[in-house]
Amino acid sequence: MTKTVKLQDAKANLSQLIRKVEAGDTVIVTQHGKPAARLLPIAPEEEQPIRIAIEAFRNIPKGDDIEFERDRTPWGDIELDFD
C-alpha cells in the first residue's frame, strides 16, 4: 500500500512511517504539494552484496610481504578524434 504524507507530517511522525515501511508499505513524502521522496523497505537481497564486499575487504591479508610490480611499458601515442 502507498501512503502520501506532507514533509511536515513526515518529520513529526517519522518513527511511525518507518514502522509502516518495515511492514512493506511505501510512503511518498510531498513538499509544497509535489512528490519529493519515496520511502521503501530494503529488500534482504539488496543488503547482501554490501555485506559480501565488507567481508571481502576484512579478509584481505595485512602485511609487508605482499609485493607489487609496476608495468612500465610505454602507452604510445594516443590519437583523439573529435569529429
PDB file of N, CA and C in Angstrom:
ATOM      1  N   MET A   1       0.836  -1.167   0.000  1.00  0.00           N
ATOM      2  CA  MET A   1       0.000   0.000   0.000  1.00  0.00           C
ATOM      3  C   MET A   1       0.890   1.242   0.000  1.00  0.00           C
ATOM      4  N   THR A   2       0.465   2.273  -0.709  1.00  0.00           N
ATOM      5  CA  THR A   2       1.217   3.516  -0.765  1.00  0.00           C
ATOM      6  C   THR A   2       0.488   4.592   0.016  1.00  0.00           C
ATOM      7  N   LYS A   3       1.247   5.294   0.837  1.00  0.00           N
ATOM      8  CA  LYS A   3       0.691   6.376   1.650  1.00  0.00           C
ATOM      9  C   LYS A   3       1.425   7.646   1.281  1.00  0.00           C
ATOM     10  N   THR A   4       0.699   8.754   1.156  1.00  0.00           N
ATOM     11  CA  THR A   4       1.297  10.049   0.839  1.00  0.00           C
ATOM     12  C   THR A   4       1.163  10.957   2.050  1.00  0.00           C
ATOM     13  N   VAL A   5       2.290  11.592   2.443  1.00  0.00           N
ATOM     14  CA  VAL A   5       2.280  12.498   3.592  1.00  0.00           C
ATOM     15  C   VAL A   5       3.048  13.769   3.256  1.00  0.00           C
ATOM     16  N   LYS A   6       2.665  14.857   3.900  1.00  0.00           N
ATOM     17  CA  LYS A   6       3.384  16.116   3.756  1.00  0.00           C
ATOM     18  C   LYS A   6       4.706  16.016   4.512  1.00  0.00           C
ATOM     19  N   LEU A   7       5.689  16.780   4.074  1.00  0.00           N
ATOM     20  CA  LEU A   7       7.003  16.759   4.711  1.00  0.00           C
ATOM     21  C   LEU A   7       6.907  17.071   6.195  1.00  0.00           C
ATOM     22  N   GLN A   8       6.137  18.067   6.547  1.00  0.00           N
ATOM     23  CA  GLN A   8       5.996  18.449   7.963  1.00  0.00           C
ATOM     24  C   GLN A   8       5.436  17.286   8.779  1.00  0.00           C
ATOM     25  N   ASP A   9       4.433  16.585   8.234  1.00  0.00           N
ATOM     26  CA  ASP A   9       3.852  15.440   8.943  1.00  0.00           C
ATOM     27  C   ASP A   9       4.848  14.278   9.009  1.00  0.00           C
ATOM     28  N   ALA A  10       5.635  14.116   7.944  1.00  0.00           N
ATOM     29  CA  ALA A  10       6.634  13.042   7.935  1.00  0.00           C
ATOM     30  C   ALA A  10       7.687  13.271   9.017  1.00  0.00           C
ATOM     31  N   LYS A  11       8.116  14.523   9.172  1.00  0.00           N
ATOM     32  CA  LYS A  11       9.104  14.818  10.208  1.00  0.00           C
ATOM     33  C   LYS A  11       8.534  14.569  11.599  1.00  0.00           C
ATOM     34  N   ALA A  12       7.261  14.900  11.795  1.00  0.00           N
ATOM     35  CA  ALA A  12       6.646  14.741  13.107  1.00  0.00           C
ATOM     36  C   ALA A  12       6.350  13.280  13.435  1.00  0.00           C
ATOM     37  N   ASN A  13       6.198  12.434  12.394  1.00  0.00           N
ATOM     38  CA  ASN A  13       5.797  11.044  12.608  1.00  0.00           C
ATOM     39  C   ASN A  13       6.754  10.053  11.956  1.00  0.00           C
ATOM     40  N   LEU A  14       8.019  10.388  11.926  1.00  0.00           N
ATOM     41  CA  LEU A  14       8.979   9.552  11.213  1.00  0.00           C
ATOM     42  C   LEU A  14       9.029   8.119  11.742  1.00  0.00           C
ATOM     43  N   SER A  15       9.034   7.951  13.033  1.00  0.00           N
ATOM     44  CA  SER A  15       9.097   6.592  13.603  1.00  0.00           C
ATOM     45  C   SER A  15       7.911   5.747  13.149  1.00  0.00           C
ATOM     46  N   GLN A  16       6.739   6.332  13.152  1.00  0.00           N
ATOM     47  CA  GLN A  16       5.538   5.616  12.718  1.00  0.00           C
ATOM     48  C   GLN A  16       5.634   5.267  11.231  1.00  0.00           C
ATOM     49  N   LEU A  17       6.142   6.195  10.409  1.00  0.00           N
ATOM     50  CA  LEU A  17       6.279   5.922   8.979  1.00  0.00           C
ATOM     51  C   LEU A  17       7.303   4.823   8.725  1.00  0.00           C
ATOM     52  N   ILE A  18       8.377   4.806   9.489  1.00  0.00           N
ATOM     53  CA  ILE A  18       9.393   3.760   9.330  1.00  0.00           C
ATOM     54  C   ILE A  18       8.787   2.399   9.655  1.00  0.00           C
ATOM     55  N   ARG A  19       7.969   2.324  10.679  1.00  0.00           N
ATOM     56  CA  ARG A  19       7.307   1.054  11.000  1.00  0.00           C
ATOM     57  C   ARG A  19       6.417   0.588   9.853  1.00  0.00           C
ATOM     58  N   LYS A  20       5.706   1.524   9.207  1.00  0.00           N
ATOM     59  CA  LYS A  20       4.865   1.172   8.066  1.00  0.00           C
ATOM     60  C   LYS A  20       5.719   0.655   6.914  1.00  0.00           C
ATOM     61  N   VAL A  21       6.852   1.322   6.672  1.00  0.00           N
ATOM     62  CA  VAL A  21       7.742   0.905   5.594  1.00  0.00           C
ATOM     63  C   VAL A  21       8.328  -0.467   5.892  1.00  0.00           C
ATOM     64  N   GLU A  22       8.728  -0.702   7.136  1.00  0.00           N
ATOM     65  CA  GLU A  22       9.244  -2.014   7.519  1.00  0.00           C
ATOM     66  C   GLU A  22       8.199  -3.108   7.324  1.00  0.00           C
ATOM     67  N   ALA A  23       6.928  -2.738   7.434  1.00  0.00           N
ATOM     68  CA  ALA A  23       5.850  -3.699   7.240  1.00  0.00           C
ATOM     69  C   ALA A  23       5.557  -3.932   5.758  1.00  0.00           C
ATOM     70  N   GLY A  24       6.235  -3.172   4.877  1.00  0.00           N
ATOM     71  CA  GLY A  24       6.073  -3.400   3.444  1.00  0.00           C
ATOM     72  C   GLY A  24       5.381  -2.283   2.691  1.00  0.00           C
ATOM     73  N   ASP A  25       4.922  -1.248   3.390  1.00  0.00           N
ATOM     74  CA  ASP A  25       4.262  -0.134   2.719  1.00  0.00           C
ATOM     75  C   ASP A  25       5.286   0.790   2.066  1.00  0.00           C
ATOM     76  N   THR A  26       4.811   1.605   1.147  1.00  0.00           N
ATOM     77  CA  THR A  26       5.619   2.651   0.518  1.00  0.00           C
ATOM     78  C   THR A  26       5.041   3.984   0.959  1.00  0.00           C
ATOM     79  N   VAL A  27       5.912   4.940   1.285  1.00  0.00           N
ATOM     80  CA  VAL A  27       5.464   6.260   1.716  1.00  0.00           C
ATOM     81  C   VAL A  27       6.042   7.301   0.757  1.00  0.00           C
ATOM     82  N   ILE A  28       5.166   8.131   0.205  1.00  0.00           N
ATOM     83  CA  ILE A  28       5.588   9.243  -0.640  1.00  0.00           C
ATOM     84  C   ILE A  28       5.524  10.499   0.215  1.00  0.00           C
ATOM     85  N   VAL A  29       6.629  11.234   0.265  1.00  0.00           N
ATOM     86  CA  VAL A  29       6.682  12.474   1.033  1.00  0.00           C
ATOM     87  C   VAL A  29       6.571  13.625   0.042  1.00  0.00           C
ATOM     88  N   THR A  30       5.647  14.550   0.298  1.00  0.00           N
ATOM     89  CA  THR A  30       5.455  15.681  -0.602  1.00  0.00           C
ATOM     90  C   THR A  30       5.986  16.958   0.033  1.00  0.00           C
ATOM     91  N   GLN A  31       6.420  17.853  -0.821  1.00  0.00           N
ATOM     92  CA  GLN A  31       6.874  19.166  -0.379  1.00  0.00           C
ATOM     93  C   GLN A  31       6.213  20.180  -1.304  1.00  0.00           C
ATOM     94  N   HIS A  32       5.446  21.092  -0.724  1.00  0.00           N
ATOM     95  CA  HIS A  32       4.674  22.074  -1.490  1.00  0.00           C
ATOM     96  C   HIS A  32       3.738  21.386  -2.477  1.00  0.00           C
ATOM     97  N   GLY A  33       3.171  20.254  -2.056  1.00  0.00           N
ATOM     98  CA  GLY A  33       2.190  19.542  -2.863  1.00  0.00           C
ATOM     99  C   GLY A  33       2.759  18.662  -3.955  1.00  0.00           C
ATOM    100  N   LYS A  34       4.086  18.600  -4.084  1.00  0.00           N
ATOM    101  CA  LYS A  34       4.712  17.784  -5.125  1.00  0.00           C
ATOM    102  C   LYS A  34       5.521  16.662  -4.487  1.00  0.00           C
ATOM    103  N   PRO A  35       5.501  15.464  -5.077  1.00  0.00           N
ATOM    104  CA  PRO A  35       6.303  14.363  -4.527  1.00  0.00           C
ATOM    105  C   PRO A  35       7.787  14.743  -4.474  1.00  0.00           C
ATOM    106  N   ALA A  36       8.403  14.529  -3.321  1.00  0.00           N
ATOM    107  CA  ALA A  36       9.809  14.884  -3.137  1.00  0.00           C
ATOM    108  C   ALA A  36      10.672  13.674  -2.799  1.00  0.00           C
ATOM    109  N   ALA A  37      10.094  12.663  -2.150  1.00  0.00           N
ATOM    110  CA  ALA A  37      10.878  11.491  -1.738  1.00  0.00           C
ATOM    111  C   ALA A  37       9.958  10.290  -1.616  1.00  0.00           C
ATOM    112  N   ARG A  38      10.584   9.124  -1.707  1.00  0.00           N
ATOM    113  CA  ARG A  38       9.840   7.865  -1.558  1.00  0.00           C
ATOM    114  C   ARG A  38      10.576   7.014  -0.529  1.00  0.00           C
ATOM    115  N   LEU A  39       9.855   6.557   0.480  1.00  0.00           N
ATOM    116  CA  LEU A  39      10.422   5.645   1.477  1.00  0.00           C
ATOM    117  C   LEU A  39      10.000   4.234   1.101  1.00  0.00           C
ATOM    118  N   LEU A  40      10.982   3.361   0.917  1.00  0.00           N
ATOM    119  CA  LEU A  40      10.733   1.981   0.518  1.00  0.00           C
ATOM    120  C   LEU A  40      11.415   1.037   1.489  1.00  0.00           C
ATOM    121  N   PRO A  41      10.850  -0.144   1.682  1.00  0.00           N
ATOM    122  CA  PRO A  41      11.560  -1.130   2.518  1.00  0.00           C
ATOM    123  C   PRO A  41      12.789  -1.644   1.775  1.00  0.00           C
ATOM    124  N   ILE A  42      13.825  -1.958   2.515  1.00  0.00           N
ATOM    125  CA  ILE A  42      15.036  -2.530   1.929  1.00  0.00           C
ATOM    126  C   ILE A  42      14.850  -4.032   1.836  1.00  0.00           C
ATOM    127  N   ALA A  43      14.987  -4.543   0.639  1.00  0.00           N
ATOM    128  CA  ALA A  43      14.864  -5.985   0.439  1.00  0.00           C
ATOM    129  C   ALA A  43      16.145  -6.665   0.910  1.00  0.00           C
ATOM    130  N   PRO A  44      16.059  -7.836   1.535  1.00  0.00           N
ATOM    131  CA  PRO A  44      17.255  -8.522   2.033  1.00  0.00           C
ATOM    132  C   PRO A  44      18.298  -8.759   0.942  1.00  0.00           C
ATOM    133  N   GLU A  45      17.881  -9.027  -0.290  1.00  0.00           N
ATOM    134  CA  GLU A  45      18.857  -9.271  -1.351  1.00  0.00           C
ATOM    135  C   GLU A  45      19.636  -8.007  -1.720  1.00  0.00           C
ATOM    136  N   GLU A  46      19.085  -6.815  -1.415  1.00  0.00           N
ATOM    137  CA  GLU A  46      19.817  -5.581  -1.675  1.00  0.00           C
ATOM    138  C   GLU A  46      20.939  -5.386  -0.665  1.00  0.00           C
ATOM    139  N   GLU A  47      20.790  -5.895   0.527  1.00  0.00           N
ATOM    140  CA  GLU A  47      21.808  -5.760   1.555  1.00  0.00           C
ATOM    141  C   GLU A  47      22.968  -6.732   1.336  1.00  0.00           C
ATOM    142  N   GLN A  48      22.707  -7.865   0.738  1.00  0.00           N
ATOM    143  CA  GLN A  48      23.685  -8.937   0.637  1.00  0.00           C
ATOM    144  C   GLN A  48      24.980  -8.539  -0.072  1.00  0.00           C
ATOM    145  N   PRO A  49      24.960  -7.894  -1.256  1.00  0.00           N
ATOM    146  CA  PRO A  49      26.236  -7.556  -1.904  1.00  0.00           C
ATOM    147  C   PRO A  49      27.115  -6.653  -1.062  1.00  0.00           C
ATOM    148  N   ILE A  50      26.513  -5.758  -0.311  1.00  0.00           N
ATOM    149  CA  ILE A  50      27.306  -4.873   0.540  1.00  0.00           C
ATOM    150  C   ILE A  50      27.999  -5.674   1.632  1.00  0.00           C
ATOM    151  N   ARG A  51      27.285  -6.588   2.242  1.00  0.00           N
ATOM    152  CA  ARG A  51      27.889  -7.414   3.291  1.00  0.00           C
ATOM    153  C   ARG A  51      29.007  -8.288   2.733  1.00  0.00           C
ATOM    154  N   ILE A  52      28.813  -8.820   1.539  1.00  0.00           N
ATOM    155  CA  ILE A  52      29.849  -9.643   0.912  1.00  0.00           C
ATOM    156  C   ILE A  52      31.096  -8.812   0.668  1.00  0.00           C
ATOM    157  N   ALA A  53      30.921  -7.583   0.167  1.00  0.00           N
ATOM    158  CA  ALA A  53      32.061  -6.707  -0.104  1.00  0.00           C
ATOM    159  C   ALA A  53      32.801  -6.347   1.183  1.00  0.00           C
ATOM    160  N   ILE A  54      32.063  -6.050   2.230  1.00  0.00           N
ATOM    161  CA  ILE A  54      32.693  -5.703   3.511  1.00  0.00           C
ATOM    162  C   ILE A  54      33.513  -6.877   4.030  1.00  0.00           C
ATOM    163  N   GLU A  55      32.958  -8.068   3.978  1.00  0.00           N
ATOM    164  CA  GLU A  55      33.688  -9.247   4.437  1.00  0.00           C
ATOM    165  C   GLU A  55      34.926  -9.500   3.584  1.00  0.00           C
ATOM    166  N   ALA A  56      34.818  -9.277   2.289  1.00  0.00           N
ATOM    167  CA  ALA A  56      35.971  -9.479   1.406  1.00  0.00           C
ATOM    168  C   ALA A  56      37.098  -8.524   1.784  1.00  0.00           C
ATOM    169  N   PHE A  57      36.776  -7.264   2.061  1.00  0.00           N
ATOM    170  CA  PHE A  57      37.808  -6.309   2.451  1.00  0.00           C
ATOM    171  C   PHE A  57      38.403  -6.652   3.809  1.00  0.00           C
ATOM    172  N   ARG A  58      37.595  -7.168   4.704  1.00  0.00           N
ATOM    173  CA  ARG A  58      38.112  -7.549   6.020  1.00  0.00           C
ATOM    174  C   ARG A  58      39.078  -8.726   5.929  1.00  0.00           C
ATOM    175  N   ASN A  59      38.914  -9.572   4.919  1.00  0.00           N
ATOM    176  CA  ASN A  59      39.738 -10.762   4.783  1.00  0.00           C
ATOM    177  C   ASN A  59      40.993 -10.552   3.942  1.00  0.00           C
ATOM    178  N   ILE A  60      41.237  -9.322   3.502  1.00  0.00           N
ATOM    179  CA  ILE A  60      42.463  -9.051   2.750  1.00  0.00           C
ATOM    180  C   ILE A  60      43.638  -9.193   3.706  1.00  0.00           C
ATOM    181  N   PRO A  61      44.648  -9.970   3.318  1.00  0.00           N
ATOM    182  CA  PRO A  61      45.784 -10.148   4.219  1.00  0.00           C
ATOM    183  C   PRO A  61      46.518  -8.835   4.477  1.00  0.00           C
ATOM    184  N   LYS A  62      46.917  -8.661   5.708  1.00  0.00           N
ATOM    185  CA  LYS A  62      47.663  -7.466   6.086  1.00  0.00           C
ATOM    186  C   LYS A  62      49.110  -7.876   6.307  1.00  0.00           C
ATOM    187  N   GLY A  63      49.997  -7.150   5.706  1.00  0.00           N
ATOM    188  CA  GLY A  63      51.401  -7.471   5.901  1.00  0.00           C
ATOM    189  C   GLY A  63      52.267  -6.785   4.869  1.00  0.00           C
ATOM    190  N   ASP A  64      53.556  -6.762   5.171  1.00  0.00           N
ATOM    191  CA  ASP A  64      54.508  -6.121   4.281  1.00  0.00           C
ATOM    192  C   ASP A  64      55.093  -7.103   3.278  1.00  0.00           C
ATOM    193  N   ASP A  65      54.681  -8.366   3.335  1.00  0.00           N
ATOM    194  CA  ASP A  65      55.272  -9.366   2.469  1.00  0.00           C
ATOM    195  C   ASP A  65      54.607  -9.412   1.080  1.00  0.00           C
ATOM    196  N   ILE A  66      53.621  -8.550   0.842  1.00  0.00           N
ATOM    197  CA  ILE A  66      52.969  -8.511  -0.460  1.00  0.00           C
ATOM    198  C   ILE A  66      53.758  -7.572  -1.361  1.00  0.00           C
ATOM    199  N   GLU A  67      54.148  -8.071  -2.536  1.00  0.00           N
ATOM    200  CA  GLU A  67      54.931  -7.261  -3.465  1.00  0.00           C
ATOM    201  C   GLU A  67      54.126  -7.024  -4.733  1.00  0.00           C
ATOM    202  N   PHE A  68      54.250  -5.811  -5.250  1.00  0.00           N
ATOM    203  CA  PHE A  68      53.600  -5.447  -6.499  1.00  0.00           C
ATOM    204  C   PHE A  68      54.664  -4.984  -7.477  1.00  0.00           C
ATOM    205  N   GLU A  69      54.504  -5.334  -8.727  1.00  0.00           N
ATOM    206  CA  GLU A  69      55.442  -4.906  -9.752  1.00  0.00           C
ATOM    207  C   GLU A  69      54.712  -3.993 -10.717  1.00  0.00           C
ATOM    208  N   ARG A  70      55.310  -2.848 -10.997  1.00  0.00           N
ATOM    209  CA  ARG A  70      54.698  -1.872 -11.886  1.00  0.00           C
ATOM    210  C   ARG A  70      55.069  -2.179 -13.327  1.00  0.00           C
ATOM    211  N   ASP A  71      54.073  -2.149 -14.204  1.00  0.00           N
ATOM    212  CA  ASP A  71      54.313  -2.326 -15.633  1.00  0.00           C
ATOM    213  C   ASP A  71      54.730  -0.981 -16.208  1.00  0.00           C
ATOM    214  N   ARG A  72      55.970  -0.901 -16.672  1.00  0.00           N
ATOM    215  CA  ARG A  72      56.496   0.360 -17.172  1.00  0.00           C
ATOM    216  C   ARG A  72      56.469   0.429 -18.705  1.00  0.00           C
ATOM    217  N   THR A  73      55.675  -0.404 -19.334  1.00  0.00           N
ATOM    218  CA  THR A  73      55.552  -0.377 -20.782  1.00  0.00           C
ATOM    219  C   THR A  73      54.933   0.957 -21.203  1.00  0.00           C
ATOM    220  N   PRO A  74      55.576   1.660 -22.173  1.00  0.00           N
ATOM    221  CA  PRO A  74      55.008   2.949 -22.601  1.00  0.00           C
ATOM    222  C   PRO A  74      53.658   2.749 -23.294  1.00  0.00           C
ATOM    223  N   TRP A  75      52.796   3.703 -23.112  1.00  0.00           N
ATOM    224  CA  TRP A  75      51.472   3.621 -23.687  1.00  0.00           C
ATOM    225  C   TRP A  75      51.490   3.918 -25.183  1.00  0.00           C
ATOM    226  N   GLY A  76      52.446   4.697 -25.612  1.00  0.00           N
ATOM    227  CA  GLY A  76      52.493   5.076 -27.028  1.00  0.00           C
ATOM    228  C   GLY A  76      51.673   6.320 -27.275  1.00  0.00           C
ATOM    229  N   ASP A  77      51.544   6.648 -28.550  1.00  0.00           N
ATOM    230  CA  ASP A  77      50.789   7.842 -28.918  1.00  0.00           C
ATOM    231  C   ASP A  77      49.290   7.571 -28.823  1.00  0.00           C
ATOM    232  N   ILE A  78      48.589   8.560 -28.320  1.00  0.00           N
ATOM    233  CA  ILE A  78      47.132   8.461 -28.219  1.00  0.00           C
ATOM    234  C   ILE A  78      46.535   9.429 -29.221  1.00  0.00           C
ATOM    235  N   GLU A  79      45.692   8.935 -30.092  1.00  0.00           N
ATOM    236  CA  GLU A  79      45.034   9.786 -31.075  1.00  0.00           C
ATOM    237  C   GLU A  79      43.625  10.098 -30.599  1.00  0.00           C
ATOM    238  N   LEU A  80      43.303  11.376 -30.584  1.00  0.00           N
ATOM    239  CA  LEU A  80      41.974  11.799 -30.198  1.00  0.00           C
ATOM    240  C   LEU A  80      41.237  12.277 -31.434  1.00  0.00           C
ATOM    241  N   ASP A  81      40.057  11.735 -31.666  1.00  0.00           N
ATOM    242  CA  ASP A  81      39.264  12.097 -32.833  1.00  0.00           C
ATOM    243  C   ASP A  81      37.996  12.765 -32.349  1.00  0.00           C
ATOM    244  N   PHE A  82      37.851  14.059 -32.631  1.00  0.00           N
ATOM    245  CA  PHE A  82      36.695  14.813 -32.162  1.00  0.00           C
ATOM    246  C   PHE A  82      35.702  15.117 -33.272  1.00  0.00           C
ATOM    247  N   ASP A  83      35.732  14.355 -34.336  1.00  0.00           N
ATOM    248  CA  ASP A  83      34.796  14.619 -35.459  1.00  0.00           C
ATOM    249  C   ASP A  83      33.410  14.192 -35.146  1.00  0.00           C
TER     250      ASP A  83
END
